[in-house]
Amino acid sequence: MKIKVTALILVLLFSSSVLGLGLGPQVGIYKSKDADKSSTMFGLALRTKLLPTLGIEGSINYRQEKYMDGWVTVKSWPIQATGLIYVLPILYGAAGMGWYNVTIDYKDELEIEDETARRIGWHFGGGLELPLGPSMTLAGDVRYVFLDYKFKEVPGSGDKKNDFYVIAISLLFGL
């Protein structure tokens, strides 16, 4: 196991020196199907190319959304791992999974205890990656995320859809 981890670290370090490793802020706008309105997310992304046509990205963000006219507030800290396939040097497809640390806050009037949970979500999408110089890259993409929060018994919540799309921009600085 230690050999595999060491080999992976060496591959990442080697690939970062040849093809670039970038770290930087990530912001986006997202909208769950049944959320009250669209919201903003923000966080940090780390991206590298393993080959000219294959890359990986890790990110962590913060998001908050309201459902059922504000009766339910969902806060989450998704940690995502994404595989990137470059069909052109600046155009990529993306697919991966996320581990969503979720807090669901119910209004006091509902007399339902708030809950904290972890959910797994899956995503796919695509985007553009534009070099802004020798050590800076701007990446923008659109992703669709499959996620189910499983609200407790709130009247009218049984058919609420939590899947969402996100439009995100990352400004990555070369390491």
N, C-alpha and C. Protein backbone atom coordinates (compact mmCIF):
# COMPACT_ATOMS: atom_id res chain seq x y z
N MET A 1 0.83 -1.20 0.00
CA MET A 1 0.00 0.00 0.00
C MET A 1 0.87 1.25 0.00
N LYS A 2 1.93 1.25 0.85
CA LYS A 2 2.81 2.42 0.91
C LYS A 2 3.49 2.66 -0.43
N ILE A 3 3.80 1.58 -1.14
CA ILE A 3 4.46 1.71 -2.44
C ILE A 3 3.51 2.37 -3.44
N LYS A 4 2.23 1.98 -3.40
CA LYS A 4 1.25 2.57 -4.31
C LYS A 4 1.06 4.06 -4.03
N VAL A 5 0.98 4.43 -2.77
CA VAL A 5 0.82 5.84 -2.40
C VAL A 5 2.05 6.63 -2.82
N THR A 6 3.24 6.09 -2.56
CA THR A 6 4.49 6.75 -2.97
C THR A 6 4.54 6.91 -4.48
N ALA A 7 4.15 5.86 -5.21
CA ALA A 7 4.15 5.94 -6.67
C ALA A 7 3.18 7.01 -7.16
N LEU A 8 1.99 7.09 -6.54
CA LEU A 8 1.02 8.11 -6.93
C LEU A 8 1.56 9.51 -6.68
N ILE A 9 2.19 9.72 -5.54
CA ILE A 9 2.78 11.03 -5.22
C ILE A 9 3.86 11.38 -6.24
N LEU A 10 4.70 10.42 -6.58
CA LEU A 10 5.75 10.68 -7.56
C LEU A 10 5.17 11.00 -8.93
N VAL A 11 4.11 10.29 -9.32
CA VAL A 11 3.46 10.59 -10.60
C VAL A 11 2.90 12.00 -10.59
N LEU A 12 2.23 12.37 -9.50
CA LEU A 12 1.66 13.73 -9.40
C LEU A 12 2.75 14.79 -9.42
N LEU A 13 3.83 14.56 -8.69
CA LEU A 13 4.93 15.52 -8.68
C LEU A 13 5.58 15.62 -10.05
N PHE A 14 5.80 14.47 -10.70
CA PHE A 14 6.40 14.48 -12.02
C PHE A 14 5.49 15.17 -13.02
N SER A 15 4.19 14.81 -12.98
CA SER A 15 3.27 15.41 -13.94
C SER A 15 3.13 16.90 -13.69
N SER A 16 3.21 17.33 -12.43
CA SER A 16 3.07 18.76 -12.16
C SER A 16 4.25 19.54 -12.71
N SER A 17 5.42 18.95 -12.71
CA SER A 17 6.57 19.67 -13.24
C SER A 17 6.56 19.71 -14.76
N VAL A 18 5.92 18.72 -15.40
CA VAL A 18 5.88 18.67 -16.85
C VAL A 18 4.63 19.34 -17.39
N LEU A 19 3.47 19.04 -16.83
CA LEU A 19 2.22 19.49 -17.41
C LEU A 19 1.47 20.53 -16.56
N GLY A 20 1.94 20.84 -15.38
CA GLY A 20 1.36 21.91 -14.60
C GLY A 20 0.44 21.45 -13.48
N LEU A 21 0.67 22.00 -12.34
CA LEU A 21 -0.18 21.80 -11.17
C LEU A 21 -0.67 23.18 -10.78
N GLY A 22 -1.98 23.33 -10.67
CA GLY A 22 -2.54 24.63 -10.33
C GLY A 22 -3.42 24.57 -9.09
N LEU A 23 -3.35 25.62 -8.29
CA LEU A 23 -4.14 25.74 -7.08
C LEU A 23 -4.72 27.15 -7.05
N GLY A 24 -6.01 27.26 -6.72
CA GLY A 24 -6.58 28.59 -6.65
C GLY A 24 -8.04 28.61 -6.26
N PRO A 25 -8.60 29.80 -6.19
CA PRO A 25 -10.00 29.95 -5.77
C PRO A 25 -10.97 29.46 -6.84
N GLN A 26 -12.12 29.03 -6.37
CA GLN A 26 -13.19 28.57 -7.25
C GLN A 26 -14.49 29.21 -6.78
N VAL A 27 -15.24 29.81 -7.69
CA VAL A 27 -16.55 30.38 -7.37
C VAL A 27 -17.55 29.87 -8.39
N GLY A 28 -18.80 29.84 -7.98
CA GLY A 28 -19.81 29.35 -8.92
C GLY A 28 -21.21 29.74 -8.50
N ILE A 29 -22.11 29.50 -9.42
CA ILE A 29 -23.54 29.69 -9.19
C ILE A 29 -24.20 28.34 -9.43
N TYR A 30 -25.09 27.95 -8.54
CA TYR A 30 -25.76 26.68 -8.70
C TYR A 30 -27.23 26.82 -8.35
N LYS A 31 -28.02 25.87 -8.83
CA LYS A 31 -29.46 25.87 -8.56
C LYS A 31 -29.94 24.44 -8.50
N SER A 32 -30.40 24.02 -7.32
CA SER A 32 -31.05 22.72 -7.19
C SER A 32 -32.44 22.82 -7.80
N LYS A 33 -32.95 21.70 -8.29
CA LYS A 33 -34.24 21.72 -8.98
C LYS A 33 -35.34 22.38 -8.16
N ASP A 34 -35.45 22.02 -6.89
CA ASP A 34 -36.55 22.53 -6.08
C ASP A 34 -36.12 23.53 -5.01
N ALA A 35 -34.90 24.04 -5.08
CA ALA A 35 -34.47 25.08 -4.13
C ALA A 35 -35.24 26.36 -4.43
N ASP A 36 -35.35 27.22 -3.42
CA ASP A 36 -36.09 28.46 -3.59
C ASP A 36 -35.50 29.37 -4.66
N LYS A 37 -34.16 29.43 -4.75
CA LYS A 37 -33.50 30.26 -5.76
C LYS A 37 -32.06 29.79 -5.96
N SER A 38 -31.41 30.32 -6.95
CA SER A 38 -30.00 29.97 -7.18
C SER A 38 -29.13 30.61 -6.09
N SER A 39 -27.97 30.02 -5.87
CA SER A 39 -27.06 30.49 -4.81
C SER A 39 -25.63 30.49 -5.32
N THR A 40 -24.76 31.09 -4.51
CA THR A 40 -23.35 31.18 -4.84
C THR A 40 -22.57 30.18 -3.99
N MET A 41 -21.54 29.59 -4.58
CA MET A 41 -20.63 28.73 -3.83
C MET A 41 -19.22 29.30 -3.98
N PHE A 42 -18.36 28.96 -3.05
CA PHE A 42 -16.97 29.38 -3.15
C PHE A 42 -16.08 28.35 -2.48
N GLY A 43 -14.83 28.30 -2.93
CA GLY A 43 -13.91 27.31 -2.36
C GLY A 43 -12.55 27.35 -3.01
N LEU A 44 -11.93 26.17 -3.07
CA LEU A 44 -10.55 26.03 -3.52
C LEU A 44 -10.46 24.81 -4.42
N ALA A 45 -9.68 24.93 -5.51
CA ALA A 45 -9.50 23.81 -6.44
C ALA A 45 -8.01 23.55 -6.67
N LEU A 46 -7.68 22.29 -6.87
CA LEU A 46 -6.33 21.85 -7.19
C LEU A 46 -6.45 20.97 -8.43
N ARG A 47 -5.69 21.29 -9.47
CA ARG A 47 -5.83 20.59 -10.75
C ARG A 47 -4.47 20.31 -11.35
N THR A 48 -4.35 19.14 -11.98
CA THR A 48 -3.14 18.80 -12.71
C THR A 48 -3.48 17.92 -13.90
N LYS A 49 -2.62 17.93 -14.89
CA LYS A 49 -2.74 17.02 -16.02
C LYS A 49 -1.76 15.88 -15.81
N LEU A 50 -2.27 14.65 -15.90
CA LEU A 50 -1.41 13.47 -15.80
C LEU A 50 -0.79 13.15 -17.15
N LEU A 51 -1.54 13.44 -18.20
CA LEU A 51 -1.12 13.28 -19.59
C LEU A 51 -1.71 14.46 -20.35
N PRO A 52 -1.30 14.71 -21.57
CA PRO A 52 -1.91 15.83 -22.30
C PRO A 52 -3.42 15.71 -22.47
N THR A 53 -3.95 14.48 -22.44
CA THR A 53 -5.39 14.28 -22.62
C THR A 53 -6.12 13.87 -21.34
N LEU A 54 -5.43 13.76 -20.21
CA LEU A 54 -6.04 13.26 -18.98
C LEU A 54 -5.59 14.10 -17.79
N GLY A 55 -6.56 14.54 -16.99
CA GLY A 55 -6.24 15.34 -15.81
C GLY A 55 -7.13 14.95 -14.64
N ILE A 56 -6.80 15.51 -13.48
CA ILE A 56 -7.61 15.30 -12.29
C ILE A 56 -7.76 16.63 -11.56
N GLU A 57 -8.86 16.76 -10.83
CA GLU A 57 -9.10 17.95 -10.04
C GLU A 57 -9.69 17.53 -8.69
N GLY A 58 -9.23 18.17 -7.65
CA GLY A 58 -9.81 18.04 -6.34
C GLY A 58 -10.30 19.41 -5.91
N SER A 59 -11.44 19.47 -5.24
CA SER A 59 -11.94 20.77 -4.81
C SER A 59 -12.72 20.61 -3.51
N ILE A 60 -12.78 21.71 -2.78
CA ILE A 60 -13.63 21.80 -1.59
C ILE A 60 -14.32 23.16 -1.65
N ASN A 61 -15.61 23.15 -1.38
CA ASN A 61 -16.41 24.37 -1.49
C ASN A 61 -17.36 24.50 -0.32
N TYR A 62 -18.00 25.64 -0.22
CA TYR A 62 -19.07 25.87 0.74
C TYR A 62 -20.29 26.32 -0.05
N ARG A 63 -21.45 25.74 0.27
CA ARG A 63 -22.69 26.15 -0.38
C ARG A 63 -23.82 26.16 0.64
N GLN A 64 -24.82 26.99 0.35
CA GLN A 64 -26.00 27.06 1.21
C GLN A 64 -27.21 27.34 0.32
N GLU A 65 -28.29 26.63 0.59
CA GLU A 65 -29.51 26.84 -0.18
C GLU A 65 -30.73 26.65 0.71
N LYS A 66 -31.83 27.24 0.28
CA LYS A 66 -33.08 27.17 1.05
C LYS A 66 -34.14 26.46 0.22
N TYR A 67 -34.98 25.73 0.95
CA TYR A 67 -36.07 25.00 0.33
C TYR A 67 -37.38 25.36 1.03
N MET A 68 -38.49 25.13 0.34
CA MET A 68 -39.83 25.30 0.89
C MET A 68 -40.03 26.68 1.52
N ASP A 69 -39.74 27.71 0.75
CA ASP A 69 -39.90 29.10 1.18
C ASP A 69 -39.12 29.41 2.45
N GLY A 70 -37.92 28.85 2.57
CA GLY A 70 -37.04 29.14 3.69
C GLY A 70 -37.27 28.30 4.93
N TRP A 71 -38.18 27.35 4.88
CA TRP A 71 -38.44 26.51 6.05
C TRP A 71 -37.30 25.52 6.30
N VAL A 72 -36.55 25.21 5.25
CA VAL A 72 -35.41 24.29 5.36
C VAL A 72 -34.19 24.97 4.74
N THR A 73 -33.08 25.00 5.49
CA THR A 73 -31.81 25.53 4.98
C THR A 73 -30.79 24.41 4.96
N VAL A 74 -30.15 24.23 3.82
CA VAL A 74 -29.14 23.19 3.66
C VAL A 74 -27.79 23.86 3.46
N LYS A 75 -26.83 23.49 4.31
CA LYS A 75 -25.45 23.97 4.19
C LYS A 75 -24.59 22.75 3.90
N SER A 76 -23.70 22.85 2.92
CA SER A 76 -22.85 21.71 2.63
C SER A 76 -21.44 22.14 2.27
N TRP A 77 -20.53 21.23 2.54
CA TRP A 77 -19.11 21.41 2.26
C TRP A 77 -18.68 20.24 1.39
N PRO A 78 -18.92 20.32 0.08
CA PRO A 78 -18.57 19.20 -0.78
C PRO A 78 -17.06 19.11 -1.02
N ILE A 79 -16.56 17.89 -0.93
CA ILE A 79 -15.19 17.57 -1.31
C ILE A 79 -15.31 16.71 -2.55
N GLN A 80 -14.82 17.23 -3.68
CA GLN A 80 -15.03 16.54 -4.95
C GLN A 80 -13.72 16.08 -5.57
N ALA A 81 -13.79 14.93 -6.23
CA ALA A 81 -12.69 14.41 -7.05
C ALA A 81 -13.25 14.24 -8.46
N THR A 82 -12.55 14.81 -9.43
CA THR A 82 -13.06 14.84 -10.80
C THR A 82 -11.98 14.40 -11.77
N GLY A 83 -12.34 13.50 -12.66
CA GLY A 83 -11.46 13.13 -13.78
C GLY A 83 -11.76 14.04 -14.95
N LEU A 84 -10.71 14.47 -15.64
CA LEU A 84 -10.85 15.38 -16.77
C LEU A 84 -10.28 14.71 -18.02
N ILE A 85 -11.06 14.70 -19.09
CA ILE A 85 -10.58 14.17 -20.37
C ILE A 85 -10.57 15.33 -21.36
N TYR A 86 -9.38 15.66 -21.85
CA TYR A 86 -9.21 16.80 -22.75
C TYR A 86 -9.39 16.32 -24.19
N VAL A 87 -10.47 16.77 -24.84
CA VAL A 87 -10.70 16.43 -26.23
C VAL A 87 -9.93 17.38 -27.15
N LEU A 88 -9.62 18.54 -26.66
CA LEU A 88 -8.73 19.53 -27.28
C LEU A 88 -7.88 20.08 -26.14
N PRO A 89 -6.77 20.73 -26.43
CA PRO A 89 -5.94 21.24 -25.32
C PRO A 89 -6.67 22.16 -24.33
N ILE A 90 -7.75 22.82 -24.78
CA ILE A 90 -8.48 23.73 -23.88
C ILE A 90 -9.90 23.28 -23.57
N LEU A 91 -10.35 22.18 -24.16
CA LEU A 91 -11.72 21.72 -23.99
C LEU A 91 -11.72 20.34 -23.31
N TYR A 92 -12.49 20.21 -22.22
CA TYR A 92 -12.48 18.95 -21.49
C TYR A 92 -13.88 18.50 -21.08
N GLY A 93 -14.00 17.21 -20.90
CA GLY A 93 -15.17 16.61 -20.28
C GLY A 93 -14.79 16.27 -18.85
N ALA A 94 -15.76 16.25 -17.95
CA ALA A 94 -15.49 16.02 -16.53
C ALA A 94 -16.50 15.03 -15.96
N ALA A 95 -16.01 14.15 -15.09
CA ALA A 95 -16.89 13.22 -14.38
C ALA A 95 -16.23 12.86 -13.06
N GLY A 96 -17.05 12.71 -12.02
CA GLY A 96 -16.46 12.37 -10.74
C GLY A 96 -17.50 12.20 -9.65
N MET A 97 -16.99 12.20 -8.42
CA MET A 97 -17.86 12.04 -7.27
C MET A 97 -17.54 13.08 -6.22
N GLY A 98 -18.50 13.30 -5.35
CA GLY A 98 -18.31 14.23 -4.26
C GLY A 98 -18.78 13.64 -2.95
N TRP A 99 -18.11 14.03 -1.90
CA TRP A 99 -18.50 13.65 -0.54
C TRP A 99 -19.04 14.92 0.09
N TYR A 100 -20.35 14.95 0.34
CA TYR A 100 -21.03 16.14 0.80
C TYR A 100 -21.28 16.06 2.29
N ASN A 101 -20.62 16.91 3.05
CA ASN A 101 -20.88 17.05 4.48
C ASN A 101 -22.02 18.05 4.59
N VAL A 102 -23.17 17.59 5.04
CA VAL A 102 -24.41 18.35 4.94
C VAL A 102 -25.01 18.62 6.32
N THR A 103 -25.43 19.87 6.53
CA THR A 103 -26.23 20.23 7.70
C THR A 103 -27.58 20.71 7.19
N ILE A 104 -28.64 20.09 7.69
CA ILE A 104 -29.99 20.49 7.31
C ILE A 104 -30.63 21.13 8.53
N ASP A 105 -30.93 22.43 8.40
CA ASP A 105 -31.55 23.19 9.48
C ASP A 105 -33.04 23.38 9.17
N TYR A 106 -33.87 22.96 10.11
CA TYR A 106 -35.32 23.13 9.99
C TYR A 106 -35.74 24.29 10.86
N LYS A 107 -36.67 25.10 10.37
CA LYS A 107 -37.19 26.20 11.20
C LYS A 107 -37.76 25.64 12.49
N ASP A 108 -37.59 26.39 13.58
CA ASP A 108 -38.05 25.94 14.89
C ASP A 108 -39.54 25.58 14.91
N GLU A 109 -40.33 26.31 14.11
CA GLU A 109 -41.77 26.07 14.09
C GLU A 109 -42.12 24.65 13.62
N LEU A 110 -41.22 24.02 12.88
CA LEU A 110 -41.49 22.67 12.40
C LEU A 110 -41.31 21.61 13.48
N GLU A 111 -40.61 21.98 14.56
CA GLU A 111 -40.33 21.07 15.66
C GLU A 111 -39.68 19.78 15.18
N ILE A 112 -38.74 19.93 14.24
CA ILE A 112 -37.95 18.82 13.73
C ILE A 112 -36.50 19.12 14.07
N GLU A 113 -35.81 18.14 14.62
CA GLU A 113 -34.42 18.34 15.01
C GLU A 113 -33.54 18.47 13.77
N ASP A 114 -32.63 19.45 13.80
CA ASP A 114 -31.68 19.62 12.71
C ASP A 114 -30.84 18.36 12.58
N GLU A 115 -30.27 18.16 11.40
CA GLU A 115 -29.46 16.96 11.20
C GLU A 115 -28.19 17.27 10.45
N THR A 116 -27.18 16.48 10.72
CA THR A 116 -25.92 16.55 10.00
C THR A 116 -25.66 15.17 9.42
N ALA A 117 -25.28 15.12 8.15
CA ALA A 117 -25.08 13.85 7.49
C ALA A 117 -24.00 13.98 6.42
N ARG A 118 -23.61 12.85 5.91
CA ARG A 118 -22.68 12.80 4.78
C ARG A 118 -23.40 12.10 3.64
N ARG A 119 -23.30 12.67 2.47
CA ARG A 119 -23.93 12.10 1.28
C ARG A 119 -22.89 11.99 0.17
N ILE A 120 -23.07 11.00 -0.66
CA ILE A 120 -22.23 10.85 -1.85
C ILE A 120 -23.04 11.35 -3.04
N GLY A 121 -22.41 12.15 -3.88
CA GLY A 121 -23.04 12.64 -5.09
C GLY A 121 -22.13 12.37 -6.28
N TRP A 122 -22.71 12.32 -7.45
CA TRP A 122 -21.96 12.07 -8.68
C TRP A 122 -22.17 13.24 -9.61
N HIS A 123 -21.17 13.57 -10.42
CA HIS A 123 -21.31 14.71 -11.32
C HIS A 123 -20.66 14.42 -12.67
N PHE A 124 -21.13 15.17 -13.68
CA PHE A 124 -20.53 15.13 -15.01
C PHE A 124 -20.72 16.49 -15.65
N GLY A 125 -19.91 16.79 -16.63
CA GLY A 125 -20.03 18.07 -17.32
C GLY A 125 -18.87 18.29 -18.27
N GLY A 126 -18.56 19.54 -18.49
CA GLY A 126 -17.46 19.90 -19.39
C GLY A 126 -17.11 21.36 -19.23
N GLY A 127 -15.99 21.73 -19.83
CA GLY A 127 -15.57 23.12 -19.70
C GLY A 127 -14.38 23.48 -20.56
N LEU A 128 -13.90 24.69 -20.32
CA LEU A 128 -12.75 25.25 -21.02
C LEU A 128 -11.66 25.60 -20.02
N GLU A 129 -10.41 25.42 -20.43
CA GLU A 129 -9.27 25.78 -19.61
C GLU A 129 -8.37 26.68 -20.45
N LEU A 130 -8.24 27.93 -20.04
CA LEU A 130 -7.50 28.92 -20.83
C LEU A 130 -6.25 29.38 -20.08
N PRO A 131 -5.06 29.21 -20.69
CA PRO A 131 -3.86 29.72 -20.05
C PRO A 131 -3.85 31.25 -20.08
N LEU A 132 -3.48 31.87 -18.96
CA LEU A 132 -3.39 33.34 -18.87
C LEU A 132 -1.95 33.79 -18.74
N GLY A 133 -1.03 32.93 -19.03
CA GLY A 133 0.39 33.20 -18.89
C GLY A 133 1.09 31.91 -18.52
N PRO A 134 2.38 32.00 -18.24
CA PRO A 134 3.13 30.78 -17.95
C PRO A 134 2.75 30.08 -16.65
N SER A 135 2.15 30.80 -15.71
CA SER A 135 1.84 30.16 -14.43
C SER A 135 0.43 30.47 -13.91
N MET A 136 -0.50 30.77 -14.83
CA MET A 136 -1.87 31.07 -14.41
C MET A 136 -2.85 30.51 -15.46
N THR A 137 -3.93 29.89 -14.97
CA THR A 137 -4.94 29.30 -15.85
C THR A 137 -6.32 29.68 -15.35
N LEU A 138 -7.21 29.98 -16.28
CA LEU A 138 -8.61 30.24 -15.97
C LEU A 138 -9.41 29.05 -16.49
N ALA A 139 -10.14 28.40 -15.62
CA ALA A 139 -10.97 27.26 -16.00
C ALA A 139 -12.42 27.59 -15.69
N GLY A 140 -13.29 27.27 -16.61
CA GLY A 140 -14.72 27.47 -16.40
C GLY A 140 -15.47 26.25 -16.88
N ASP A 141 -16.42 25.78 -16.08
CA ASP A 141 -17.16 24.61 -16.51
C ASP A 141 -18.59 24.61 -16.00
N VAL A 142 -19.36 23.72 -16.59
CA VAL A 142 -20.73 23.47 -16.19
C VAL A 142 -20.82 22.00 -15.81
N ARG A 143 -21.39 21.72 -14.64
CA ARG A 143 -21.53 20.34 -14.18
C ARG A 143 -22.95 20.11 -13.68
N TYR A 144 -23.39 18.89 -13.85
CA TYR A 144 -24.67 18.47 -13.30
C TYR A 144 -24.37 17.48 -12.18
N VAL A 145 -24.99 17.67 -11.02
CA VAL A 145 -24.71 16.84 -9.84
C VAL A 145 -25.97 16.08 -9.43
N PHE A 146 -25.81 14.78 -9.21
CA PHE A 146 -26.87 13.92 -8.72
C PHE A 146 -26.68 13.75 -7.22
N LEU A 147 -27.66 14.23 -6.43
CA LEU A 147 -27.54 14.23 -4.98
C LEU A 147 -28.93 14.15 -4.36
N ASP A 148 -29.06 13.40 -3.27
CA ASP A 148 -30.35 13.27 -2.60
C ASP A 148 -30.16 13.57 -1.11
N TYR A 149 -30.75 14.66 -0.61
CA TYR A 149 -30.59 15.04 0.79
C TYR A 149 -31.46 14.22 1.74
N LYS A 150 -32.58 13.68 1.28
CA LYS A 150 -33.49 12.90 2.12
C LYS A 150 -33.96 13.69 3.33
N PHE A 151 -34.75 14.73 3.07
CA PHE A 151 -35.32 15.53 4.15
C PHE A 151 -36.16 14.66 5.06
N LYS A 152 -36.21 15.04 6.34
CA LYS A 152 -37.12 14.34 7.27
C LYS A 152 -38.55 14.67 6.89
N GLU A 153 -39.47 14.16 7.61
CA GLU A 153 -40.89 14.30 7.29
C GLU A 153 -41.38 15.74 7.44
N VAL A 154 -41.11 16.54 6.43
CA VAL A 154 -41.65 17.89 6.36
C VAL A 154 -42.80 17.81 5.36
N PRO A 155 -43.98 18.28 5.72
CA PRO A 155 -45.10 18.20 4.77
C PRO A 155 -44.72 18.79 3.41
N GLY A 156 -44.93 18.01 2.36
CA GLY A 156 -44.64 18.47 1.01
C GLY A 156 -43.21 18.28 0.57
N SER A 157 -42.37 17.63 1.38
CA SER A 157 -40.96 17.48 1.01
C SER A 157 -40.65 16.15 0.33
N GLY A 158 -41.62 15.25 0.27
CA GLY A 158 -41.36 13.92 -0.26
C GLY A 158 -40.90 13.89 -1.70
N ASP A 159 -41.33 14.86 -2.48
CA ASP A 159 -40.97 14.85 -3.90
C ASP A 159 -39.96 15.94 -4.26
N LYS A 160 -39.28 16.51 -3.27
CA LYS A 160 -38.30 17.58 -3.55
C LYS A 160 -37.08 16.99 -4.24
N LYS A 161 -36.63 17.66 -5.28
CA LYS A 161 -35.47 17.23 -6.06
C LYS A 161 -34.26 18.07 -5.66
N ASN A 162 -33.14 17.41 -5.35
CA ASN A 162 -31.95 18.10 -4.89
C ASN A 162 -30.82 18.10 -5.91
N ASP A 163 -30.99 17.39 -7.02
CA ASP A 163 -29.96 17.43 -8.06
C ASP A 163 -29.80 18.88 -8.50
N PHE A 164 -28.60 19.22 -8.95
CA PHE A 164 -28.39 20.62 -9.34
C PHE A 164 -27.34 20.74 -10.43
N TYR A 165 -27.35 21.88 -11.09
CA TYR A 165 -26.28 22.22 -12.01
C TYR A 165 -25.47 23.34 -11.37
N VAL A 166 -24.21 23.40 -11.74
CA VAL A 166 -23.33 24.46 -11.22
C VAL A 166 -22.49 24.99 -12.37
N ILE A 167 -22.37 26.28 -12.42
CA ILE A 167 -21.47 26.95 -13.36
C ILE A 167 -20.35 27.53 -12.50
N ALA A 168 -19.11 27.06 -12.72
CA ALA A 168 -18.00 27.44 -11.85
C ALA A 168 -16.83 27.99 -12.65
N ILE A 169 -16.09 28.88 -12.00
CA ILE A 169 -14.87 29.44 -12.57
C ILE A 169 -13.76 29.27 -11.53
N SER A 170 -12.61 28.79 -12.00
CA SER A 170 -11.43 28.63 -11.13
C SER A 170 -10.29 29.43 -11.72
N LEU A 171 -9.57 30.13 -10.87
CA LEU A 171 -8.34 30.82 -11.26
C LEU A 171 -7.19 30.07 -10.59
N LEU A 172 -6.44 29.35 -11.40
CA LEU A 172 -5.42 28.45 -10.88
C LEU A 172 -4.03 29.04 -11.08
N PHE A 173 -3.26 29.04 -10.00
CA PHE A 173 -1.90 29.55 -10.02
C PHE A 173 -0.94 28.37 -10.00
N GLY A 174 0.05 28.38 -10.89
CA GLY A 174 1.00 27.27 -10.99
C GLY A 174 1.84 27.14 -9.73
N LEU A 175 2.04 25.90 -9.35
CA LEU A 175 2.86 25.59 -8.17
C LEU A 175 4.20 25.01 -8.62
